[in-house]
Amino acid sequence: MKIMIIDEDLDARLNIKCFMENADNEVVAEGTDGFDAIYLSRQFNPEVTIFDVETPVAEDFNALRVIHEEKNSKAIVLMTSSYDSSLLSKAKDLGVLGYLVKPVSNAQTLVSTCEIALSNALKLEKIQHDLSLMEKRLADRKVIEKAKGYLMKAECLSEDHAYKKIRLLSMEKKCSMGTVSEIILKNCGEIC
């Protein structure tokens, strides 16, 4: 895993770095605050960001929000010195996939939390990608149906012949049936 560590405490950063590197991970960036987190995540695109929040401030929450929205890190693991249900709730809202209460004296706890967070982030990324594809296919299907309906009326074609005409144009023009259907509708003045 490519790791970024954000912790204002140098000793804590070195300890985390040691844990992660001993488990064959690469620490690509280290920083001390929310500003560093945003800047370094944009520069290095770590797979996992380990973000220590001692006394949560707006800057830290903003950094978490920006990193999550810009997708500059696949997974964020939050570390804090005490359990706080409101912090946990806010962390979930900001896309945090792991939450650890310090001290984390066991390397396996930190490493396994990061591995699970990354695994879940990758699964979520795939689900979002698949959902986008399904939404695109559904949108194309709606446009194709509308274009098919137009061709059936305008050219007195059966549904099957209208579909075959769109498919043939798609193959001839080497573009999707959705694109062909959009062009048909635009040429006839229909709104897609």
N, C-alpha and C. Protein backbone atom coordinates (compact mmCIF):
# COMPACT_ATOMS: atom_id res chain seq x y z
N MET A 1 0.84 -1.19 0.00
CA MET A 1 0.00 0.00 0.00
C MET A 1 0.88 1.25 0.00
N LYS A 2 0.40 2.27 -0.68
CA LYS A 2 1.05 3.59 -0.61
C LYS A 2 0.34 4.38 0.48
N ILE A 3 1.12 4.83 1.46
CA ILE A 3 0.56 5.43 2.67
C ILE A 3 0.99 6.88 2.81
N MET A 4 0.05 7.71 3.30
CA MET A 4 0.38 9.07 3.72
C MET A 4 0.02 9.17 5.20
N ILE A 5 0.93 9.76 5.97
CA ILE A 5 0.72 9.90 7.41
C ILE A 5 0.60 11.38 7.75
N ILE A 6 -0.49 11.76 8.41
CA ILE A 6 -0.67 13.13 8.87
C ILE A 6 -0.78 13.10 10.39
N ASP A 7 0.24 13.63 11.05
CA ASP A 7 0.28 13.67 12.52
C ASP A 7 1.24 14.77 12.90
N GLU A 8 0.80 15.66 13.80
CA GLU A 8 1.67 16.77 14.20
C GLU A 8 2.83 16.31 15.07
N ASP A 9 2.73 15.14 15.66
CA ASP A 9 3.77 14.60 16.54
C ASP A 9 4.77 13.78 15.72
N LEU A 10 6.01 14.28 15.63
CA LEU A 10 7.05 13.63 14.83
C LEU A 10 7.30 12.20 15.31
N ASP A 11 7.39 11.99 16.63
CA ASP A 11 7.64 10.64 17.15
C ASP A 11 6.52 9.68 16.75
N ALA A 12 5.28 10.14 16.83
CA ALA A 12 4.14 9.30 16.44
C ALA A 12 4.21 8.97 14.95
N ARG A 13 4.56 9.97 14.12
CA ARG A 13 4.69 9.73 12.68
C ARG A 13 5.75 8.68 12.40
N LEU A 14 6.90 8.81 13.07
CA LEU A 14 7.99 7.84 12.86
C LEU A 14 7.57 6.44 13.29
N ASN A 15 6.82 6.35 14.37
CA ASN A 15 6.34 5.07 14.87
C ASN A 15 5.39 4.42 13.86
N ILE A 16 4.44 5.22 13.36
CA ILE A 16 3.49 4.73 12.35
C ILE A 16 4.23 4.32 11.08
N LYS A 17 5.18 5.15 10.69
CA LYS A 17 5.97 4.86 9.48
C LYS A 17 6.70 3.54 9.64
N CYS A 18 7.28 3.33 10.80
CA CYS A 18 8.00 2.09 11.08
C CYS A 18 7.05 0.89 10.99
N PHE A 19 5.88 0.99 11.62
CA PHE A 19 4.88 -0.08 11.55
C PHE A 19 4.54 -0.41 10.10
N MET A 20 4.27 0.62 9.33
CA MET A 20 3.80 0.40 7.96
C MET A 20 4.90 -0.12 7.06
N GLU A 21 6.09 0.42 7.17
CA GLU A 21 7.20 -0.03 6.31
C GLU A 21 7.64 -1.45 6.68
N ASN A 22 7.58 -1.80 7.95
CA ASN A 22 7.93 -3.17 8.35
C ASN A 22 6.94 -4.19 7.81
N ALA A 23 5.76 -3.73 7.45
CA ALA A 23 4.74 -4.61 6.85
C ALA A 23 4.75 -4.49 5.32
N ASP A 24 5.86 -4.03 4.77
CA ASP A 24 6.07 -3.92 3.31
C ASP A 24 5.15 -2.92 2.63
N ASN A 25 4.83 -1.83 3.31
CA ASN A 25 4.08 -0.74 2.71
C ASN A 25 5.04 0.42 2.44
N GLU A 26 4.64 1.28 1.53
CA GLU A 26 5.48 2.43 1.17
C GLU A 26 4.84 3.71 1.70
N VAL A 27 5.57 4.41 2.57
CA VAL A 27 5.09 5.71 3.05
C VAL A 27 5.54 6.73 2.02
N VAL A 28 4.58 7.30 1.29
CA VAL A 28 4.91 8.22 0.19
C VAL A 28 4.91 9.68 0.63
N ALA A 29 4.26 9.98 1.78
CA ALA A 29 4.20 11.37 2.22
C ALA A 29 3.91 11.43 3.71
N GLU A 30 4.42 12.51 4.33
CA GLU A 30 4.19 12.77 5.74
C GLU A 30 3.89 14.25 5.90
N GLY A 31 2.95 14.56 6.78
CA GLY A 31 2.61 15.95 7.05
C GLY A 31 2.13 16.13 8.47
N THR A 32 1.85 17.39 8.82
CA THR A 32 1.51 17.69 10.21
C THR A 32 0.08 18.18 10.42
N ASP A 33 -0.59 18.64 9.35
CA ASP A 33 -1.92 19.24 9.55
C ASP A 33 -2.79 19.09 8.31
N GLY A 34 -3.99 19.65 8.39
CA GLY A 34 -4.94 19.56 7.30
C GLY A 34 -4.43 20.15 6.00
N PHE A 35 -3.71 21.26 6.09
CA PHE A 35 -3.15 21.88 4.89
C PHE A 35 -2.20 20.91 4.19
N ASP A 36 -1.28 20.32 4.98
CA ASP A 36 -0.35 19.33 4.42
C ASP A 36 -1.11 18.17 3.80
N ALA A 37 -2.17 17.74 4.49
CA ALA A 37 -2.95 16.59 4.02
C ALA A 37 -3.51 16.84 2.62
N ILE A 38 -4.09 18.01 2.43
CA ILE A 38 -4.66 18.34 1.11
C ILE A 38 -3.55 18.43 0.06
N TYR A 39 -2.53 19.20 0.37
CA TYR A 39 -1.43 19.41 -0.58
C TYR A 39 -0.75 18.09 -0.96
N LEU A 40 -0.39 17.30 0.04
CA LEU A 40 0.33 16.05 -0.21
C LEU A 40 -0.54 15.00 -0.89
N SER A 41 -1.84 14.97 -0.55
CA SER A 41 -2.72 13.99 -1.19
C SER A 41 -2.86 14.30 -2.68
N ARG A 42 -2.89 15.57 -3.03
CA ARG A 42 -2.95 15.96 -4.44
C ARG A 42 -1.67 15.60 -5.17
N GLN A 43 -0.57 15.69 -4.48
CA GLN A 43 0.73 15.43 -5.10
C GLN A 43 1.02 13.94 -5.22
N PHE A 44 0.68 13.14 -4.20
CA PHE A 44 1.11 11.74 -4.14
C PHE A 44 -0.01 10.71 -4.34
N ASN A 45 -1.26 11.10 -4.25
CA ASN A 45 -2.39 10.17 -4.38
C ASN A 45 -2.17 8.86 -3.62
N PRO A 46 -2.02 8.95 -2.30
CA PRO A 46 -1.80 7.72 -1.53
C PRO A 46 -3.03 6.83 -1.57
N GLU A 47 -2.79 5.53 -1.42
CA GLU A 47 -3.93 4.62 -1.34
C GLU A 47 -4.64 4.78 0.00
N VAL A 48 -3.85 4.93 1.06
CA VAL A 48 -4.42 5.09 2.40
C VAL A 48 -3.79 6.31 3.06
N THR A 49 -4.65 7.14 3.65
CA THR A 49 -4.19 8.28 4.45
C THR A 49 -4.49 7.97 5.91
N ILE A 50 -3.45 7.99 6.73
CA ILE A 50 -3.61 7.83 8.17
C ILE A 50 -3.56 9.24 8.75
N PHE A 51 -4.68 9.68 9.31
CA PHE A 51 -4.84 11.08 9.73
C PHE A 51 -5.08 11.11 11.23
N ASP A 52 -4.12 11.66 11.98
CA ASP A 52 -4.27 11.79 13.42
C ASP A 52 -4.98 13.10 13.73
N VAL A 53 -6.02 13.02 14.53
CA VAL A 53 -6.78 14.21 14.92
C VAL A 53 -6.77 14.26 16.44
N GLU A 54 -5.86 15.06 17.00
CA GLU A 54 -5.79 15.19 18.46
C GLU A 54 -6.95 16.02 18.99
N THR A 55 -6.99 17.26 18.58
CA THR A 55 -8.10 18.15 18.93
C THR A 55 -8.72 18.60 17.62
N PRO A 56 -9.81 17.95 17.23
CA PRO A 56 -10.39 18.23 15.91
C PRO A 56 -10.70 19.72 15.72
N VAL A 57 -10.24 20.24 14.61
CA VAL A 57 -10.53 21.63 14.25
C VAL A 57 -11.16 21.62 12.86
N ALA A 58 -11.80 22.71 12.51
CA ALA A 58 -12.48 22.80 11.22
C ALA A 58 -11.55 22.50 10.06
N GLU A 59 -10.29 22.92 10.19
CA GLU A 59 -9.31 22.69 9.12
C GLU A 59 -9.14 21.19 8.84
N ASP A 60 -9.12 20.38 9.91
CA ASP A 60 -8.96 18.94 9.73
C ASP A 60 -10.18 18.34 9.03
N PHE A 61 -11.37 18.75 9.45
CA PHE A 61 -12.58 18.24 8.81
C PHE A 61 -12.67 18.69 7.36
N ASN A 62 -12.27 19.90 7.10
CA ASN A 62 -12.24 20.40 5.72
C ASN A 62 -11.27 19.57 4.89
N ALA A 63 -10.11 19.27 5.46
CA ALA A 63 -9.11 18.46 4.74
C ALA A 63 -9.67 17.07 4.43
N LEU A 64 -10.33 16.46 5.40
CA LEU A 64 -10.92 15.14 5.17
C LEU A 64 -11.97 15.21 4.06
N ARG A 65 -12.79 16.25 4.09
CA ARG A 65 -13.83 16.43 3.07
C ARG A 65 -13.21 16.60 1.69
N VAL A 66 -12.19 17.45 1.59
CA VAL A 66 -11.54 17.72 0.30
C VAL A 66 -10.89 16.46 -0.24
N ILE A 67 -10.14 15.75 0.59
CA ILE A 67 -9.46 14.53 0.15
C ILE A 67 -10.49 13.51 -0.34
N HIS A 68 -11.57 13.36 0.39
CA HIS A 68 -12.61 12.40 0.00
C HIS A 68 -13.30 12.83 -1.30
N GLU A 69 -13.70 14.09 -1.40
CA GLU A 69 -14.40 14.57 -2.60
C GLU A 69 -13.52 14.53 -3.84
N GLU A 70 -12.24 14.88 -3.68
CA GLU A 70 -11.33 14.88 -4.83
C GLU A 70 -10.79 13.49 -5.14
N LYS A 71 -11.08 12.54 -4.27
CA LYS A 71 -10.62 11.16 -4.44
C LYS A 71 -9.10 11.09 -4.56
N ASN A 72 -8.42 11.87 -3.72
CA ASN A 72 -6.96 11.90 -3.72
C ASN A 72 -6.35 10.79 -2.89
N SER A 73 -7.17 10.11 -2.15
CA SER A 73 -6.74 8.94 -1.37
C SER A 73 -7.91 7.98 -1.40
N LYS A 74 -7.64 6.72 -1.64
CA LYS A 74 -8.74 5.76 -1.73
C LYS A 74 -9.40 5.54 -0.37
N ALA A 75 -8.60 5.54 0.69
CA ALA A 75 -9.14 5.28 2.03
C ALA A 75 -8.49 6.20 3.05
N ILE A 76 -9.29 6.61 4.03
CA ILE A 76 -8.78 7.43 5.13
C ILE A 76 -9.02 6.68 6.42
N VAL A 77 -7.96 6.57 7.22
CA VAL A 77 -8.05 5.98 8.55
C VAL A 77 -7.78 7.10 9.54
N LEU A 78 -8.74 7.33 10.41
CA LEU A 78 -8.63 8.40 11.40
C LEU A 78 -8.10 7.83 12.71
N MET A 79 -7.15 8.53 13.30
CA MET A 79 -6.63 8.15 14.62
C MET A 79 -6.89 9.29 15.58
N THR A 80 -7.29 8.94 16.79
CA THR A 80 -7.56 9.95 17.80
C THR A 80 -7.19 9.40 19.18
N SER A 81 -6.99 10.28 20.12
CA SER A 81 -6.53 9.84 21.44
C SER A 81 -7.65 9.33 22.34
N SER A 82 -8.90 9.60 21.99
CA SER A 82 -10.01 9.09 22.79
C SER A 82 -11.23 8.87 21.91
N TYR A 83 -12.08 7.95 22.36
CA TYR A 83 -13.30 7.69 21.60
C TYR A 83 -14.26 8.85 21.79
N ASP A 84 -14.83 9.31 20.67
CA ASP A 84 -15.77 10.42 20.70
C ASP A 84 -16.86 10.10 19.67
N SER A 85 -18.08 9.85 20.14
CA SER A 85 -19.15 9.44 19.23
C SER A 85 -19.48 10.52 18.20
N SER A 86 -19.39 11.78 18.58
CA SER A 86 -19.69 12.84 17.60
C SER A 86 -18.59 12.91 16.55
N LEU A 87 -17.33 12.70 16.96
CA LEU A 87 -16.23 12.66 16.00
C LEU A 87 -16.39 11.46 15.06
N LEU A 88 -16.77 10.33 15.62
CA LEU A 88 -16.98 9.13 14.81
C LEU A 88 -18.09 9.36 13.79
N SER A 89 -19.17 9.98 14.22
CA SER A 89 -20.29 10.27 13.32
C SER A 89 -19.85 11.22 12.20
N LYS A 90 -19.11 12.26 12.57
CA LYS A 90 -18.63 13.22 11.57
C LYS A 90 -17.65 12.54 10.61
N ALA A 91 -16.80 11.66 11.15
CA ALA A 91 -15.82 10.94 10.32
C ALA A 91 -16.55 10.08 9.28
N LYS A 92 -17.60 9.40 9.69
CA LYS A 92 -18.37 8.57 8.74
C LYS A 92 -18.96 9.44 7.62
N ASP A 93 -19.47 10.61 8.00
CA ASP A 93 -20.06 11.52 7.01
C ASP A 93 -19.01 12.04 6.03
N LEU A 94 -17.75 12.07 6.46
CA LEU A 94 -16.67 12.60 5.62
C LEU A 94 -15.95 11.50 4.84
N GLY A 95 -16.47 10.29 4.86
CA GLY A 95 -15.90 9.22 4.05
C GLY A 95 -14.76 8.46 4.69
N VAL A 96 -14.56 8.61 5.99
CA VAL A 96 -13.49 7.89 6.68
C VAL A 96 -13.87 6.41 6.75
N LEU A 97 -12.92 5.52 6.43
CA LEU A 97 -13.20 4.09 6.39
C LEU A 97 -12.57 3.31 7.54
N GLY A 98 -11.81 4.00 8.39
CA GLY A 98 -11.20 3.35 9.54
C GLY A 98 -11.07 4.34 10.68
N TYR A 99 -11.21 3.86 11.92
CA TYR A 99 -11.16 4.75 13.09
C TYR A 99 -10.43 3.99 14.19
N LEU A 100 -9.31 4.53 14.63
CA LEU A 100 -8.52 3.89 15.68
C LEU A 100 -8.33 4.85 16.84
N VAL A 101 -8.41 4.29 18.06
CA VAL A 101 -8.15 5.07 19.26
C VAL A 101 -6.73 4.75 19.72
N LYS A 102 -5.92 5.80 19.94
CA LYS A 102 -4.54 5.63 20.37
C LYS A 102 -4.51 5.36 21.87
N PRO A 103 -3.45 4.76 22.34
CA PRO A 103 -2.26 4.39 21.58
C PRO A 103 -2.46 3.09 20.80
N VAL A 104 -1.90 3.06 19.63
CA VAL A 104 -1.90 1.85 18.82
C VAL A 104 -0.51 1.25 18.97
N SER A 105 -0.40 0.33 19.89
CA SER A 105 0.92 -0.24 20.18
C SER A 105 1.20 -1.49 19.37
N ASN A 106 0.19 -2.00 18.70
CA ASN A 106 0.32 -3.23 17.94
C ASN A 106 0.30 -2.91 16.45
N ALA A 107 1.38 -3.22 15.78
CA ALA A 107 1.50 -2.92 14.35
C ALA A 107 0.41 -3.62 13.54
N GLN A 108 0.06 -4.86 13.93
CA GLN A 108 -0.95 -5.60 13.17
C GLN A 108 -2.30 -4.90 13.20
N THR A 109 -2.63 -4.24 14.30
CA THR A 109 -3.91 -3.52 14.38
C THR A 109 -3.96 -2.40 13.37
N LEU A 110 -2.90 -1.62 13.31
CA LEU A 110 -2.84 -0.50 12.37
C LEU A 110 -2.81 -1.00 10.92
N VAL A 111 -1.94 -1.95 10.64
CA VAL A 111 -1.80 -2.46 9.28
C VAL A 111 -3.09 -3.12 8.80
N SER A 112 -3.70 -3.96 9.65
CA SER A 112 -4.92 -4.64 9.22
C SER A 112 -6.07 -3.66 9.05
N THR A 113 -6.14 -2.62 9.89
CA THR A 113 -7.18 -1.60 9.72
C THR A 113 -7.00 -0.89 8.38
N CYS A 114 -5.77 -0.57 8.03
CA CYS A 114 -5.50 0.08 6.74
C CYS A 114 -5.82 -0.84 5.57
N GLU A 115 -5.47 -2.13 5.70
CA GLU A 115 -5.76 -3.08 4.62
C GLU A 115 -7.26 -3.25 4.41
N ILE A 116 -8.00 -3.35 5.50
CA ILE A 116 -9.46 -3.49 5.39
C ILE A 116 -10.07 -2.22 4.82
N ALA A 117 -9.59 -1.06 5.27
CA ALA A 117 -10.11 0.21 4.75
C ALA A 117 -9.87 0.30 3.24
N LEU A 118 -8.67 -0.06 2.80
CA LEU A 118 -8.36 -0.01 1.36
C LEU A 118 -9.21 -1.03 0.60
N SER A 119 -9.34 -2.23 1.13
CA SER A 119 -10.15 -3.25 0.47
C SER A 119 -11.59 -2.77 0.31
N ASN A 120 -12.15 -2.20 1.36
CA ASN A 120 -13.52 -1.69 1.28
C ASN A 120 -13.63 -0.51 0.33
N ALA A 121 -12.61 0.33 0.30
CA ALA A 121 -12.61 1.47 -0.62
C ALA A 121 -12.60 0.99 -2.07
N LEU A 122 -11.81 -0.03 -2.36
CA LEU A 122 -11.76 -0.57 -3.72
C LEU A 122 -13.09 -1.21 -4.12
N LYS A 123 -13.72 -1.90 -3.17
CA LYS A 123 -15.04 -2.48 -3.45
C LYS A 123 -16.06 -1.38 -3.72
N LEU A 124 -16.03 -0.35 -2.90
CA LEU A 124 -16.94 0.77 -3.08
C LEU A 124 -16.70 1.47 -4.42
N GLU A 125 -15.43 1.63 -4.78
CA GLU A 125 -15.08 2.24 -6.07
C GLU A 125 -15.64 1.42 -7.23
N LYS A 126 -15.54 0.10 -7.14
CA LYS A 126 -16.08 -0.77 -8.19
C LYS A 126 -17.60 -0.65 -8.26
N ILE A 127 -18.25 -0.63 -7.11
CA ILE A 127 -19.71 -0.49 -7.08
C ILE A 127 -20.12 0.84 -7.72
N GLN A 128 -19.40 1.91 -7.39
CA GLN A 128 -19.72 3.22 -7.96
C GLN A 128 -19.49 3.22 -9.47
N HIS A 129 -18.43 2.57 -9.92
CA HIS A 129 -18.15 2.47 -11.36
C HIS A 129 -19.25 1.68 -12.06
N ASP A 130 -19.62 0.54 -11.48
CA ASP A 130 -20.69 -0.28 -12.06
C ASP A 130 -22.01 0.48 -12.10
N LEU A 131 -22.30 1.23 -11.04
CA LEU A 131 -23.52 2.03 -10.99
C LEU A 131 -23.52 3.09 -12.09
N SER A 132 -22.38 3.74 -12.29
CA SER A 132 -22.27 4.75 -13.36
C SER A 132 -22.53 4.12 -14.72
N LEU A 133 -21.96 2.94 -14.95
CA LEU A 133 -22.18 2.25 -16.22
C LEU A 133 -23.66 1.90 -16.40
N MET A 134 -24.29 1.43 -15.34
CA MET A 134 -25.71 1.08 -15.42
C MET A 134 -26.56 2.31 -15.68
N GLU A 135 -26.22 3.43 -15.03
CA GLU A 135 -26.96 4.67 -15.26
C GLU A 135 -26.80 5.13 -16.70
N LYS A 136 -25.60 5.00 -17.24
CA LYS A 136 -25.33 5.38 -18.64
C LYS A 136 -26.12 4.49 -19.59
N ARG A 137 -26.11 3.19 -19.30
CA ARG A 137 -26.86 2.25 -20.16
C ARG A 137 -28.36 2.54 -20.11
N LEU A 138 -28.86 2.85 -18.92
CA LEU A 138 -30.28 3.17 -18.78
C LEU A 138 -30.61 4.45 -19.55
N ALA A 139 -29.75 5.47 -19.42
CA ALA A 139 -29.98 6.72 -20.15
C ALA A 139 -29.95 6.47 -21.66
N ASP A 140 -28.98 5.66 -22.11
CA ASP A 140 -28.90 5.32 -23.54
C ASP A 140 -30.16 4.57 -23.98
N ARG A 141 -30.59 3.64 -23.14
CA ARG A 141 -31.77 2.85 -23.47
C ARG A 141 -32.99 3.74 -23.66
N LYS A 142 -33.14 4.75 -22.78
CA LYS A 142 -34.27 5.67 -22.88
C LYS A 142 -34.20 6.47 -24.18
N VAL A 143 -33.00 6.92 -24.54
CA VAL A 143 -32.83 7.69 -25.77
C VAL A 143 -33.09 6.80 -26.99
N ILE A 144 -32.60 5.57 -26.93
CA ILE A 144 -32.81 4.63 -28.04
C ILE A 144 -34.31 4.37 -28.22
N GLU A 145 -35.01 4.16 -27.12
CA GLU A 145 -36.46 3.92 -27.19
C GLU A 145 -37.18 5.12 -27.80
N LYS A 146 -36.76 6.32 -27.40
CA LYS A 146 -37.39 7.53 -27.93
C LYS A 146 -37.11 7.67 -29.43
N ALA A 147 -35.86 7.42 -29.84
CA ALA A 147 -35.50 7.51 -31.26
C ALA A 147 -36.23 6.43 -32.06
N LYS A 148 -36.33 5.26 -31.47
CA LYS A 148 -37.04 4.17 -32.12
C LYS A 148 -38.51 4.57 -32.34
N GLY A 149 -39.10 5.16 -31.34
CA GLY A 149 -40.48 5.62 -31.45
C GLY A 149 -40.64 6.67 -32.54
N TYR A 150 -39.68 7.58 -32.61
CA TYR A 150 -39.72 8.61 -33.66
C TYR A 150 -39.65 7.96 -35.05
N LEU A 151 -38.69 7.04 -35.23
CA LEU A 151 -38.54 6.38 -36.54
C LEU A 151 -39.79 5.58 -36.91
N MET A 152 -40.41 4.95 -35.92
CA MET A 152 -41.63 4.18 -36.19
C MET A 152 -42.72 5.09 -36.74
N LYS A 153 -42.85 6.28 -36.15
CA LYS A 153 -43.87 7.23 -36.62
C LYS A 153 -43.48 7.89 -37.93
N ALA A 154 -42.25 8.43 -37.98
CA ALA A 154 -41.82 9.23 -39.13
C ALA A 154 -41.65 8.40 -40.39
N GLU A 155 -41.19 7.16 -40.24
CA GLU A 155 -40.90 6.35 -41.41
C GLU A 155 -41.80 5.12 -41.52
N CYS A 156 -42.82 5.08 -40.68
CA CYS A 156 -43.77 3.96 -40.68
C CYS A 156 -43.05 2.61 -40.58
N LEU A 157 -42.11 2.52 -39.65
CA LEU A 157 -41.36 1.28 -39.46
C LEU A 157 -41.92 0.50 -38.28
N SER A 158 -41.72 -0.81 -38.30
CA SER A 158 -42.06 -1.61 -37.13
C SER A 158 -41.00 -1.33 -36.05
N GLU A 159 -41.32 -1.73 -34.86
CA GLU A 159 -40.36 -1.52 -33.77
C GLU A 159 -39.04 -2.22 -34.07
N ASP A 160 -39.12 -3.44 -34.58
CA ASP A 160 -37.93 -4.22 -34.90
C ASP A 160 -37.10 -3.54 -35.99
N HIS A 161 -37.76 -3.03 -37.03
CA HIS A 161 -37.04 -2.37 -38.12
C HIS A 161 -36.41 -1.05 -37.64
N ALA A 162 -37.11 -0.33 -36.81
CA ALA A 162 -36.55 0.92 -36.27
C ALA A 162 -35.30 0.63 -35.46
N TYR A 163 -35.36 -0.42 -34.64
CA TYR A 163 -34.20 -0.81 -33.83
C TYR A 163 -33.03 -1.22 -34.74
N LYS A 164 -33.33 -2.03 -35.75
CA LYS A 164 -32.28 -2.48 -36.67
C LYS A 164 -31.66 -1.31 -37.42
N LYS A 165 -32.47 -0.31 -37.75
CA LYS A 165 -31.93 0.88 -38.44
C LYS A 165 -30.94 1.62 -37.54
N ILE A 166 -31.29 1.78 -36.29
CA ILE A 166 -30.39 2.45 -35.33
C ILE A 166 -29.12 1.64 -35.16
N ARG A 167 -29.27 0.31 -35.04
CA ARG A 167 -28.10 -0.55 -34.87
C ARG A 167 -27.19 -0.51 -36.09
N LEU A 168 -27.77 -0.52 -37.28
CA LEU A 168 -26.99 -0.46 -38.53
C LEU A 168 -26.22 0.85 -38.62
N LEU A 169 -26.91 1.97 -38.32
CA LEU A 169 -26.22 3.27 -38.32
C LEU A 169 -25.08 3.29 -37.31
N SER A 170 -25.31 2.68 -36.18
CA SER A 170 -24.30 2.62 -35.13
C SER A 170 -23.05 1.88 -35.62
N MET A 171 -23.26 0.77 -36.31
CA MET A 171 -22.12 0.01 -36.84
C MET A 171 -21.42 0.76 -37.97
N GLU A 172 -22.19 1.37 -38.86
CA GLU A 172 -21.61 2.11 -39.98
C GLU A 172 -20.80 3.31 -39.51
N LYS A 173 -21.32 4.02 -38.53
CA LYS A 173 -20.67 5.24 -38.04
C LYS A 173 -19.66 4.97 -36.91
N LYS A 174 -19.61 3.71 -36.47
CA LYS A 174 -18.69 3.31 -35.41
C LYS A 174 -18.87 4.14 -34.14
N CYS A 175 -20.11 4.27 -33.75
CA CYS A 175 -20.43 4.95 -32.49
C CYS A 175 -21.57 4.20 -31.82
N SER A 176 -21.84 4.53 -30.60
CA SER A 176 -22.85 3.80 -29.83
C SER A 176 -24.26 4.06 -30.37
N MET A 177 -25.13 3.13 -30.07
CA MET A 177 -26.53 3.30 -30.46
C MET A 177 -27.14 4.50 -29.74
N GLY A 178 -26.66 4.77 -28.53
CA GLY A 178 -27.13 5.94 -27.79
C GLY A 178 -26.78 7.23 -28.51
N THR A 179 -25.56 7.29 -29.02
CA THR A 179 -25.11 8.48 -29.76
C THR A 179 -25.91 8.65 -31.05
N VAL A 180 -26.11 7.56 -31.77
CA VAL A 180 -26.91 7.61 -33.01
C VAL A 180 -28.32 8.09 -32.69
N SER A 181 -28.88 7.56 -31.61
CA SER A 181 -30.26 7.94 -31.23
C SER A 181 -30.34 9.42 -30.86
N GLU A 182 -29.34 9.92 -30.14
CA GLU A 182 -29.31 11.35 -29.80
C GLU A 182 -29.29 12.21 -31.05
N ILE A 183 -28.48 11.80 -32.04
CA ILE A 183 -28.38 12.56 -33.29
C ILE A 183 -29.70 12.52 -34.05
N ILE A 184 -30.33 11.36 -34.09
CA ILE A 184 -31.64 11.24 -34.76
C ILE A 184 -32.63 12.20 -34.12
N LEU A 185 -32.67 12.22 -32.79
CA LEU A 185 -33.62 13.08 -32.09
C LEU A 185 -33.29 14.56 -32.26
N LYS A 186 -32.02 14.89 -32.29
CA LYS A 186 -31.64 16.29 -32.48
C LYS A 186 -31.98 16.75 -33.90
N ASN A 187 -31.77 15.87 -34.86
CA ASN A 187 -32.08 16.21 -36.26
C ASN A 187 -33.57 16.40 -36.49
N CYS A 188 -34.37 15.74 -35.68
CA CYS A 188 -35.81 15.88 -35.86
C CYS A 188 -36.40 16.92 -34.92
N GLY A 189 -35.54 17.56 -34.12
CA GLY A 189 -36.02 18.61 -33.22
C GLY A 189 -36.51 18.11 -31.89
N GLU A 190 -36.42 16.82 -31.62
CA GLU A 190 -36.82 16.27 -30.33
C GLU A 190 -35.75 16.59 -29.29
N ILE A 191 -36.19 16.73 -28.07
CA ILE A 191 -35.25 16.97 -26.97
C ILE A 191 -34.95 15.65 -26.30
N CYS A 192 -33.66 15.33 -26.15
CA CYS A 192 -33.26 14.05 -25.55
C CYS A 192 -33.56 14.03 -24.07
